[in-house]
N, C-alpha and C. Protein backbone atom coordinates (compact mmCIF):
# COMPACT_ATOMS: atom_id res chain seq x y z
N MET A 1 41.07 -17.74 -23.01
CA MET A 1 39.72 -17.40 -23.02
C MET A 1 38.82 -16.77 -22.70
N ASN A 2 38.95 -15.36 -23.21
CA ASN A 2 38.12 -14.29 -22.51
C ASN A 2 36.64 -14.39 -22.75
N THR A 3 36.40 -13.65 -21.32
CA THR A 3 35.04 -13.90 -21.29
C THR A 3 33.94 -12.80 -21.11
N ILE A 4 33.12 -11.94 -21.87
CA ILE A 4 32.47 -11.23 -22.13
C ILE A 4 31.34 -10.91 -21.38
N LYS A 5 31.71 -9.74 -20.48
CA LYS A 5 30.22 -9.81 -19.53
C LYS A 5 29.12 -8.83 -20.13
N SER A 6 28.32 -9.11 -19.94
CA SER A 6 26.84 -8.79 -19.94
C SER A 6 26.51 -7.32 -19.97
N THR A 7 26.56 -6.19 -19.91
CA THR A 7 25.49 -5.49 -19.00
C THR A 7 23.60 -5.14 -19.67
N ALA A 8 23.54 -6.32 -20.48
CA ALA A 8 21.79 -5.61 -19.99
C ALA A 8 21.53 -6.53 -18.51
N LYS A 9 20.80 -5.73 -18.29
CA LYS A 9 19.85 -6.24 -16.62
C LYS A 9 18.56 -7.40 -17.27
N ARG A 10 19.05 -8.45 -15.93
CA ARG A 10 18.22 -9.32 -15.73
C ARG A 10 16.83 -9.13 -15.46
N THR A 11 15.89 -9.49 -15.82
CA THR A 11 14.50 -9.17 -15.77
C THR A 11 14.33 -10.46 -15.22
N ALA A 12 12.89 -10.64 -14.74
CA ALA A 12 12.46 -11.60 -14.21
C ALA A 12 11.01 -11.73 -15.17
N VAL A 13 10.80 -12.79 -15.36
CA VAL A 13 8.91 -12.52 -15.54
C VAL A 13 7.91 -13.08 -14.64
N VAL A 14 7.05 -11.81 -14.78
CA VAL A 14 6.31 -12.14 -13.90
C VAL A 14 4.37 -12.15 -14.88
N PHE A 15 4.38 -12.89 -14.01
CA PHE A 15 2.59 -13.59 -14.41
C PHE A 15 1.80 -12.60 -14.45
N PRO A 16 0.90 -12.75 -15.14
CA PRO A 16 -0.20 -11.98 -14.87
C PRO A 16 -0.73 -11.57 -13.44
N LYS A 17 -1.35 -12.69 -13.48
CA LYS A 17 -1.74 -13.33 -12.35
C LYS A 17 -1.66 -12.52 -10.42
N HIS A 18 -0.45 -12.37 -11.01
CA HIS A 18 0.72 -11.76 -10.07
C HIS A 18 1.74 -10.50 -9.89
N LYS A 19 1.00 -9.97 -10.90
CA LYS A 19 1.08 -8.48 -11.27
C LYS A 19 0.15 -7.51 -9.39
N LYS A 20 -0.61 -7.97 -9.76
CA LYS A 20 -1.76 -6.90 -8.51
C LYS A 20 -1.11 -7.22 -7.42
N VAL A 21 -0.78 -8.28 -7.08
CA VAL A 21 0.02 -9.12 -6.04
C VAL A 21 1.12 -8.18 -5.06
N LEU A 22 2.16 -8.37 -6.41
CA LEU A 22 3.20 -7.20 -6.11
C LEU A 22 3.44 -6.28 -6.35
N SER A 23 1.93 -5.71 -6.74
CA SER A 23 1.47 -3.66 -6.88
C SER A 23 1.51 -4.49 -5.26
N ILE A 24 0.56 -4.35 -4.54
CA ILE A 24 0.56 -4.35 -3.32
C ILE A 24 1.01 -4.35 -2.12
N LEU A 25 2.48 -5.61 -2.52
CA LEU A 25 3.37 -5.46 -1.82
C LEU A 25 4.55 -4.86 -1.29
N GLY A 26 5.08 -4.26 -2.94
CA GLY A 26 4.99 -3.36 -3.21
C GLY A 26 5.10 -1.88 -2.56
N GLU A 27 4.05 -1.14 -2.61
CA GLU A 27 3.04 -0.45 -1.78
C GLU A 27 3.31 0.02 -0.78
N ASN A 28 2.86 -1.62 0.07
CA ASN A 28 3.17 -1.85 1.15
C ASN A 28 4.08 -1.80 1.85
N LEU A 29 5.19 -2.37 1.16
CA LEU A 29 6.87 -1.95 1.66
C LEU A 29 7.56 -0.64 1.52
N THR A 30 6.71 0.08 0.57
CA THR A 30 7.34 0.65 0.53
C THR A 30 6.91 2.45 1.34
N LEU A 31 6.08 2.03 1.97
CA LEU A 31 4.96 2.68 3.25
C LEU A 31 5.64 1.99 4.27
N ALA A 32 5.89 0.95 4.99
CA ALA A 32 6.62 1.08 5.76
C ALA A 32 7.89 0.93 5.84
N MET A 33 8.91 1.15 5.08
CA MET A 33 10.14 1.97 4.70
C MET A 33 10.04 3.23 5.23
N LYS A 34 9.31 3.76 4.25
CA LYS A 34 9.12 5.46 4.89
C LYS A 34 9.07 5.40 5.58
N ARG A 35 7.73 4.66 7.16
CA ARG A 35 7.57 4.72 7.83
C ARG A 35 9.03 5.39 8.61
N ARG A 36 9.91 3.99 8.10
CA ARG A 36 11.48 3.21 9.96
C ARG A 36 11.90 4.37 8.74
N GLY A 37 12.86 4.51 8.17
CA GLY A 37 13.17 6.17 7.41
C GLY A 37 14.37 4.97 6.45
N ILE A 38 14.07 4.06 5.90
CA ILE A 38 14.49 2.86 5.44
C ILE A 38 14.57 3.10 4.10
N THR A 39 15.62 2.98 3.62
CA THR A 39 15.46 2.93 1.79
C THR A 39 16.12 1.57 1.22
N GLN A 40 16.13 1.50 0.29
CA GLN A 40 16.02 0.35 -1.08
C GLN A 40 17.42 -0.58 -0.32
N GLU A 41 18.08 0.17 -0.22
CA GLU A 41 19.69 0.18 -0.65
C GLU A 41 19.87 -0.20 1.14
N MET A 42 19.07 0.10 2.11
CA MET A 42 19.59 -0.04 3.45
C MET A 42 18.93 -1.53 3.41
N LEU A 43 17.74 -1.57 2.90
CA LEU A 43 16.90 -2.88 3.23
C LEU A 43 17.75 -4.54 2.71
N HIS A 44 18.12 -3.58 1.66
CA HIS A 44 19.32 -4.52 1.04
C HIS A 44 20.27 -4.81 0.73
N ASP A 45 20.76 -4.67 1.94
CA ASP A 45 22.61 -4.40 3.06
C ASP A 45 21.74 -5.35 3.68
N ARG A 46 20.67 -4.74 4.47
CA ARG A 46 20.35 -5.64 5.57
C ARG A 46 19.63 -7.20 5.44
N THR A 47 18.90 -7.42 4.59
CA THR A 47 18.82 -8.93 3.84
C THR A 47 19.18 -9.82 3.15
N GLY A 48 20.66 -8.68 2.35
CA GLY A 48 20.71 -9.35 1.30
C GLY A 48 20.70 -10.13 0.15
N LEU A 49 18.85 -10.25 0.34
CA LEU A 49 17.58 -10.09 -0.37
C LEU A 49 17.70 -9.26 -1.90
N SER A 50 17.48 -10.15 -3.03
CA SER A 50 16.85 -8.31 -4.37
C SER A 50 15.42 -9.61 -4.26
N LYS A 51 14.61 -8.78 -4.95
CA LYS A 51 13.10 -8.72 -5.17
C LYS A 51 13.74 -9.76 -5.98
N PRO A 52 13.25 -10.05 -7.02
CA PRO A 52 13.46 -11.40 -7.47
C PRO A 52 13.53 -12.58 -6.60
N THR A 53 15.03 -12.39 -5.93
CA THR A 53 14.82 -13.75 -5.30
C THR A 53 13.70 -13.64 -4.37
N LEU A 54 13.20 -12.89 -3.57
CA LEU A 54 12.34 -13.28 -2.93
C LEU A 54 11.56 -13.68 -3.36
N ARG A 55 10.67 -13.67 -4.67
CA ARG A 55 9.59 -13.32 -5.34
C ARG A 55 10.23 -14.69 -5.77
N LYS A 56 10.89 -15.24 -6.39
CA LYS A 56 11.37 -17.41 -6.21
C LYS A 56 11.45 -17.86 -5.49
N ILE A 57 11.56 -17.09 -4.37
CA ILE A 57 11.32 -18.48 -3.16
C ILE A 57 10.38 -18.61 -2.37
N LEU A 58 9.64 -17.86 -2.22
CA LEU A 58 7.90 -17.29 -2.35
C LEU A 58 7.10 -18.53 -3.25
N ALA A 59 7.50 -17.79 -4.47
CA ALA A 59 6.63 -18.97 -5.97
C ALA A 59 7.34 -20.65 -6.01
N CYS A 60 8.18 -20.74 -5.05
CA CYS A 60 8.58 -22.20 -5.09
C CYS A 60 7.92 -22.76 -3.61
N LEU A 61 7.79 -22.30 -2.50
CA LEU A 61 6.97 -22.42 -1.71
C LEU A 61 5.59 -22.36 -1.55
N GLY A 62 4.67 -22.13 -2.72
CA GLY A 62 3.35 -22.24 -3.23
C GLY A 62 2.68 -20.49 -2.16
N LEU A 63 4.04 -19.48 -1.88
CA LEU A 63 3.34 -18.75 -0.77
C LEU A 63 3.42 -17.07 -1.42
N LEU A 64 2.82 -17.12 -3.16
CA LEU A 64 3.23 -15.89 -3.65
C LEU A 64 2.32 -14.99 -2.83
N GLU A 65 1.19 -15.29 -3.14
CA GLU A 65 -0.19 -14.52 -2.86
C GLU A 65 -0.46 -14.92 -1.71
N ASP A 66 0.13 -14.54 -0.29
CA ASP A 66 0.68 -13.56 1.13
C ASP A 66 1.77 -12.58 0.50
N LEU A 67 2.43 -13.34 -0.52
CA LEU A 67 3.09 -11.60 -0.20
C LEU A 67 1.66 -10.13 -0.23
N ALA A 68 0.72 -9.88 -0.30
CA ALA A 68 -0.32 -8.81 -0.57
C ALA A 68 -0.63 -8.82 1.47
N LYS A 69 -0.34 -9.18 1.87
CA LYS A 69 -0.34 -9.48 3.05
C LYS A 69 0.97 -9.19 4.17
N VAL A 70 2.12 -8.96 3.60
CA VAL A 70 3.47 -8.46 3.88
C VAL A 70 2.93 -6.78 4.20
N ALA A 71 3.03 -6.60 5.63
CA ALA A 71 3.55 -5.24 5.72
C ALA A 71 1.48 -4.50 5.49
N PHE A 72 0.66 -4.97 5.17
CA PHE A 72 -0.77 -4.36 5.38
C PHE A 72 -0.83 -3.70 6.62
N ASP A 73 -0.80 -3.67 7.98
CA ASP A 73 -1.28 -4.05 8.68
C ASP A 73 0.58 -3.13 9.66
N ASP A 74 0.25 -2.43 9.36
CA ASP A 74 1.94 -2.04 9.91
C ASP A 74 1.63 -0.99 10.91
N GLU A 75 1.84 -1.74 12.09
CA GLU A 75 1.38 -1.08 13.17
C GLU A 75 2.40 -1.18 14.48
N LEU A 76 3.27 -0.78 13.88
CA LEU A 76 4.42 -0.42 14.41
C LEU A 76 5.28 0.33 13.34
N GLY A 77 4.65 0.69 11.96
CA GLY A 77 4.74 1.77 11.83
C GLY A 77 4.22 3.33 11.70
N ARG A 78 2.73 2.37 12.29
CA ARG A 78 1.97 3.74 12.71
C ARG A 78 2.27 4.47 13.80
N LYS A 79 2.68 3.92 14.33
CA LYS A 79 3.12 4.30 16.29
C LYS A 79 4.35 5.17 16.17
N LEU A 80 5.63 4.85 15.12
CA LEU A 80 6.33 5.59 15.17
C LEU A 80 6.66 6.46 13.54
N GLN A 81 5.37 6.96 13.31
CA GLN A 81 5.38 7.79 12.74
C GLN A 81 4.16 8.64 12.82
N ASP A 82 3.47 7.73 14.20
CA ASP A 82 2.46 9.35 15.09
C ASP A 82 3.61 9.54 15.97
N ILE A 83 4.75 8.97 16.76
CA ILE A 83 5.25 9.74 17.74
C ILE A 83 6.23 11.17 16.83
N GLN A 84 6.74 11.01 15.88
CA GLN A 84 7.19 11.60 15.55
C GLN A 84 5.94 13.39 14.39
N LEU A 85 5.28 13.31 13.84
CA LEU A 85 4.51 14.06 14.14
C LEU A 85 3.84 14.73 15.62
N LEU A 86 4.03 14.13 16.86
CA LEU A 86 3.67 15.06 17.53
C LEU A 86 5.32 15.58 17.83
N ASN A 87 6.05 14.95 18.03
CA ASN A 87 7.69 15.49 18.27
C ASN A 87 7.82 16.90 17.39
N LYS A 88 7.00 16.39 16.18
CA LYS A 88 7.03 17.86 15.31
C LYS A 88 7.01 18.81 16.17
N LYS A 89 5.83 19.66 16.73
CA LYS A 89 4.85 20.09 17.51
C LYS A 89 5.60 21.59 18.16
């Protein structure tokens, strides 16, 4: 029995009411990662989680709306960024 591997990329269904929340999450995480010098590959290697997996877990727990709060107030990231800016002088 031969198995044919699909080269098609899997996509997750995103409901319209969640698109804005996911957009905010993406922006917050991108800024937090940039402040720390972390790439998406590094984040994936460190957590072992993909974005769709995280979204599914939070949706099952009824916490999807809390995604907008993730990294919203990144005090540590801003402090790290400020230190870098001060050291450039």
